[in-house]
Amino acid sequence: MKIVVIVLASTFVWAVAQADPSPEVRRLMNEPVSMLDWGLDQLQRSTQDTLNSKSQDLGFPPGQMYVGAGYDFAKNEIDITITTNLYARPQPKDVCRNLVNWLRDQLAPQAPATKKRFIFWGMLFQHSGFTNSQKSEQGLGDKLAKLVVVAAQVAPQVNTGKLVFCSGPLLGESVNFEE
């Protein structure tokens, strides 16, 4: 009897170990991820981690601000946006402008380390195991930084249902507001 139980148990363990991925997992395993997708995900995660650790310095409790990163095909730009649904004090436009400038400082500081930051940018959009190219493109970070628009969405003090939205180029100083 013990031998039968041992044989059945080992057969069951072997069968589970030999199981193929489900059709859903197999489909996802066969979907390619572009370096743009990969880099945007890395950019979003890196910026969110920095924001989480510095949110109190910006006057917001941790976990109340969110970062999104995406590519706008029509404009050929990479958009990075901070969104918060907490009411901004004292002025939502000032808070929005401050968040855009904070993003600029984090992603493209005006210090001598700027060149290193752009190298880091290029690294976000590369992965040694998943590239078709045998060589990395020189100056990729510099080129990408010119395509980036940083933005913020902030709730006004009174709940009007509208968010204050502002944005500007990463490598610029202007901040534009959309009403």
Foldseek 3Di string as FASTA:
>chain_A
DVVVVVVVVVVVVVVVVPDDDDPVVVVVVPDADALQNQLQVLVQVVVLVVCQVCVVVLVDHHPQKHWHWDADPVLRAIEIEIEGEDADPPFQVVSFLVVQVVVLCVQANPDPCRVVSLVVSQVSSDDVVRDPDPDRDPSPSVVRLQRYKYKYWHQHNDHPVGTWIWIDRSPDNDIDTDD
